[in-house]
Amino acid sequence: MKATSLHNATEWLNGLNIGGLFADRSFSIPFEQMVLILLVASVCLIFGRFKMGFLMAYGFLFYWVYIANRGFLMELMGGNPMGMIFYLIVGAAMGLTVFVGFLQENH
């Protein structure tokens, strides 16, 4: 890849100002819950239960964003309920996919 094309791509990404969406907002995750997921994920990795660890981490992430910080998400989407519905549908589909994968035997 040429240096000029890389520079142009970098300039384009900087122009999107994606970081500006989150710059003036705060997202809170309780410390106790962070420690809990760290312990659960560590135990799952130690015992080789990768799918279980992934499912638990996904569950915590979904809870933190969609349930615990619902106001933050609504503010980020401009109060549009369609964004919340879309987030719920995509999250549920991903959760279902992970759950089905969890039930299958390792290959």
C-alpha atoms as a PDB file:
ATOM      1  CA  MET A   1       0.000   0.000   0.000  1.00  0.00           C
ATOM      2  CA  LYS A   2       1.366   3.392  -0.932  1.00  0.00           C
ATOM      3  CA  ALA A   3       2.155   5.898   1.793  1.00  0.00           C
ATOM      4  CA  THR A   4      -0.173   8.490   0.224  1.00  0.00           C
ATOM      5  CA  SER A   5      -3.143   6.106   0.212  1.00  0.00           C
ATOM      6  CA  LEU A   6      -2.465   5.211   3.830  1.00  0.00           C
ATOM      7  CA  HIS A   7      -2.263   8.901   4.688  1.00  0.00           C
ATOM      8  CA  ASN A   8      -5.536   9.593   2.856  1.00  0.00           C
ATOM      9  CA  ALA A   9      -7.272   6.726   4.668  1.00  0.00           C
ATOM     10  CA  THR A  10      -5.980   8.008   8.009  1.00  0.00           C
ATOM     11  CA  GLU A  11      -7.172  11.537   7.258  1.00  0.00           C
ATOM     12  CA  TRP A  12     -10.600  10.206   6.272  1.00  0.00           C
ATOM     13  CA  LEU A  13     -10.913   8.215   9.509  1.00  0.00           C
ATOM     14  CA  ASN A  14      -9.847  11.246  11.558  1.00  0.00           C
ATOM     15  CA  GLY A  15     -12.494  13.312   9.764  1.00  0.00           C
ATOM     16  CA  LEU A  16     -15.251  10.966  10.919  1.00  0.00           C
ATOM     17  CA  ASN A  17     -14.683  12.112  14.524  1.00  0.00           C
ATOM     18  CA  ILE A  18     -15.986   8.855  15.969  1.00  0.00           C
ATOM     19  CA  GLY A  19     -14.248   9.580  19.267  1.00  0.00           C
ATOM     20  CA  GLY A  20     -16.341  12.753  19.559  1.00  0.00           C
ATOM     21  CA  LEU A  21     -19.441  10.615  20.122  1.00  0.00           C
ATOM     22  CA  PHE A  22     -18.093   9.466  23.473  1.00  0.00           C
ATOM     23  CA  ALA A  23     -15.931  12.441  24.472  1.00  0.00           C
ATOM     24  CA  ASP A  24     -18.440  14.222  26.693  1.00  0.00           C
ATOM     25  CA  ARG A  25     -20.277  11.190  28.076  1.00  0.00           C
ATOM     26  CA  SER A  26     -19.515   8.862  30.949  1.00  0.00           C
ATOM     27  CA  PHE A  27     -20.156   5.142  31.044  1.00  0.00           C
ATOM     28  CA  SER A  28     -19.987   3.471  34.439  1.00  0.00           C
ATOM     29  CA  ILE A  29     -19.193  -0.112  35.294  1.00  0.00           C
ATOM     30  CA  PRO A  30     -19.110  -1.015  38.998  1.00  0.00           C
ATOM     31  CA  PHE A  31     -15.679  -2.124  40.173  1.00  0.00           C
ATOM     32  CA  GLU A  32     -17.065  -5.207  41.924  1.00  0.00           C
ATOM     33  CA  GLN A  33     -18.624  -6.425  38.677  1.00  0.00           C
ATOM     34  CA  MET A  34     -15.369  -5.852  36.794  1.00  0.00           C
ATOM     35  CA  VAL A  35     -13.503  -7.938  39.381  1.00  0.00           C
ATOM     36  CA  LEU A  36     -16.196 -10.630  39.199  1.00  0.00           C
ATOM     37  CA  ILE A  37     -16.001 -11.002  35.416  1.00  0.00           C
ATOM     38  CA  LEU A  38     -12.206 -10.997  35.596  1.00  0.00           C
ATOM     39  CA  LEU A  39     -12.315 -13.855  38.113  1.00  0.00           C
ATOM     40  CA  VAL A  40     -14.940 -15.800  36.154  1.00  0.00           C
ATOM     41  CA  ALA A  41     -13.026 -15.394  32.883  1.00  0.00           C
ATOM     42  CA  SER A  42      -9.753 -16.391  34.557  1.00  0.00           C
ATOM     43  CA  VAL A  43     -11.280 -19.532  36.056  1.00  0.00           C
ATOM     44  CA  CYS A  44     -12.835 -20.436  32.693  1.00  0.00           C
ATOM     45  CA  LEU A  45      -9.467 -20.003  30.950  1.00  0.00           C
ATOM     46  CA  ILE A  46      -7.617 -22.022  33.590  1.00  0.00           C
ATOM     47  CA  PHE A  47     -10.035 -24.934  33.216  1.00  0.00           C
ATOM     48  CA  GLY A  48     -10.241 -24.660  29.415  1.00  0.00           C
ATOM     49  CA  ARG A  49     -13.917 -23.677  29.347  1.00  0.00           C
ATOM     50  CA  PHE A  50     -13.512 -21.073  26.610  1.00  0.00           C
ATOM     51  CA  LYS A  51     -17.109 -21.123  25.423  1.00  0.00           C
ATOM     52  CA  MET A  52     -18.415 -20.693  28.950  1.00  0.00           C
ATOM     53  CA  GLY A  53     -16.030 -17.784  29.553  1.00  0.00           C
ATOM     54  CA  PHE A  54     -17.100 -16.142  26.311  1.00  0.00           C
ATOM     55  CA  LEU A  55     -20.784 -16.570  27.144  1.00  0.00           C
ATOM     56  CA  MET A  56     -20.288 -15.081  30.613  1.00  0.00           C
ATOM     57  CA  ALA A  57     -18.287 -12.127  29.257  1.00  0.00           C
ATOM     58  CA  TYR A  58     -20.945 -11.483  26.603  1.00  0.00           C
ATOM     59  CA  GLY A  59     -23.658 -11.606  29.246  1.00  0.00           C
ATOM     60  CA  PHE A  60     -21.828  -9.080  31.414  1.00  0.00           C
ATOM     61  CA  LEU A  61     -21.220  -6.789  28.445  1.00  0.00           C
ATOM     62  CA  PHE A  62     -24.838  -6.936  27.364  1.00  0.00           C
ATOM     63  CA  TYR A  63     -25.973  -6.214  30.932  1.00  0.00           C
ATOM     64  CA  TRP A  64     -23.563  -3.284  31.371  1.00  0.00           C
ATOM     65  CA  VAL A  65     -24.540  -1.577  28.134  1.00  0.00           C
ATOM     66  CA  TYR A  66     -28.206  -2.402  27.676  1.00  0.00           C
ATOM     67  CA  ILE A  67     -29.546  -2.681  31.224  1.00  0.00           C
ATOM     68  CA  ALA A  68     -27.239  -0.848  33.627  1.00  0.00           C
ATOM     69  CA  ASN A  69     -26.456   2.087  31.318  1.00  0.00           C
ATOM     70  CA  ARG A  70     -29.682   2.335  29.355  1.00  0.00           C
ATOM     71  CA  GLY A  71     -29.804   6.127  29.797  1.00  0.00           C
ATOM     72  CA  PHE A  72     -26.329   6.477  28.300  1.00  0.00           C
ATOM     73  CA  LEU A  73     -27.326   4.388  25.297  1.00  0.00           C
ATOM     74  CA  MET A  74     -30.563   6.335  24.776  1.00  0.00           C
ATOM     75  CA  GLU A  75     -28.657   9.626  24.961  1.00  0.00           C
ATOM     76  CA  LEU A  76     -26.067   8.313  22.495  1.00  0.00           C
ATOM     77  CA  MET A  77     -28.820   7.371  20.027  1.00  0.00           C
ATOM     78  CA  GLY A  78     -30.573  10.696  20.408  1.00  0.00           C
ATOM     79  CA  GLY A  79     -33.554   9.262  22.272  1.00  0.00           C
ATOM     80  CA  ASN A  80     -34.597   7.176  19.267  1.00  0.00           C
ATOM     81  CA  PRO A  81     -36.264   3.955  20.504  1.00  0.00           C
ATOM     82  CA  MET A  82     -35.560   2.218  17.177  1.00  0.00           C
ATOM     83  CA  GLY A  83     -31.864   2.231  18.031  1.00  0.00           C
ATOM     84  CA  MET A  84     -32.592   0.461  21.310  1.00  0.00           C
ATOM     85  CA  ILE A  85     -34.776  -2.108  19.562  1.00  0.00           C
ATOM     86  CA  PHE A  86     -32.067  -2.716  16.962  1.00  0.00           C
ATOM     87  CA  TYR A  87     -29.453  -3.110  19.725  1.00  0.00           C
ATOM     88  CA  LEU A  88     -31.718  -5.593  21.533  1.00  0.00           C
ATOM     89  CA  ILE A  89     -32.395  -7.658  18.390  1.00  0.00           C
ATOM     90  CA  VAL A  90     -28.722  -7.817  17.404  1.00  0.00           C
ATOM     91  CA  GLY A  91     -27.677  -8.589  20.989  1.00  0.00           C
ATOM     92  CA  ALA A  92     -30.266 -11.328  21.340  1.00  0.00           C
ATOM     93  CA  ALA A  93     -29.271 -12.854  17.987  1.00  0.00           C
ATOM     94  CA  MET A  94     -25.604 -12.872  19.002  1.00  0.00           C
ATOM     95  CA  GLY A  95     -26.480 -14.343  22.392  1.00  0.00           C
ATOM     96  CA  LEU A  96     -28.560 -17.073  20.756  1.00  0.00           C
ATOM     97  CA  THR A  97     -25.712 -17.847  18.357  1.00  0.00           C
ATOM     98  CA  VAL A  98     -23.258 -18.137  21.233  1.00  0.00           C
ATOM     99  CA  PHE A  99     -25.673 -20.325  23.182  1.00  0.00           C
ATOM    100  CA  VAL A 100     -26.196 -22.694  20.213  1.00  0.00           C
ATOM    101  CA  GLY A 101     -22.432 -22.853  19.721  1.00  0.00           C
ATOM    102  CA  PHE A 102     -22.061 -23.603  23.408  1.00  0.00           C
ATOM    103  CA  LEU A 103     -24.306 -26.661  23.082  1.00  0.00           C
ATOM    104  CA  GLN A 104     -22.336 -28.125  20.188  1.00  0.00           C
ATOM    105  CA  GLU A 105     -19.433 -30.441  20.818  1.00  0.00           C
ATOM    106  CA  ASN A 106     -15.890 -29.233  20.239  1.00  0.00           C
ATOM    107  CA  HIS A 107     -14.444 -29.979  16.811  1.00  0.00           C
END
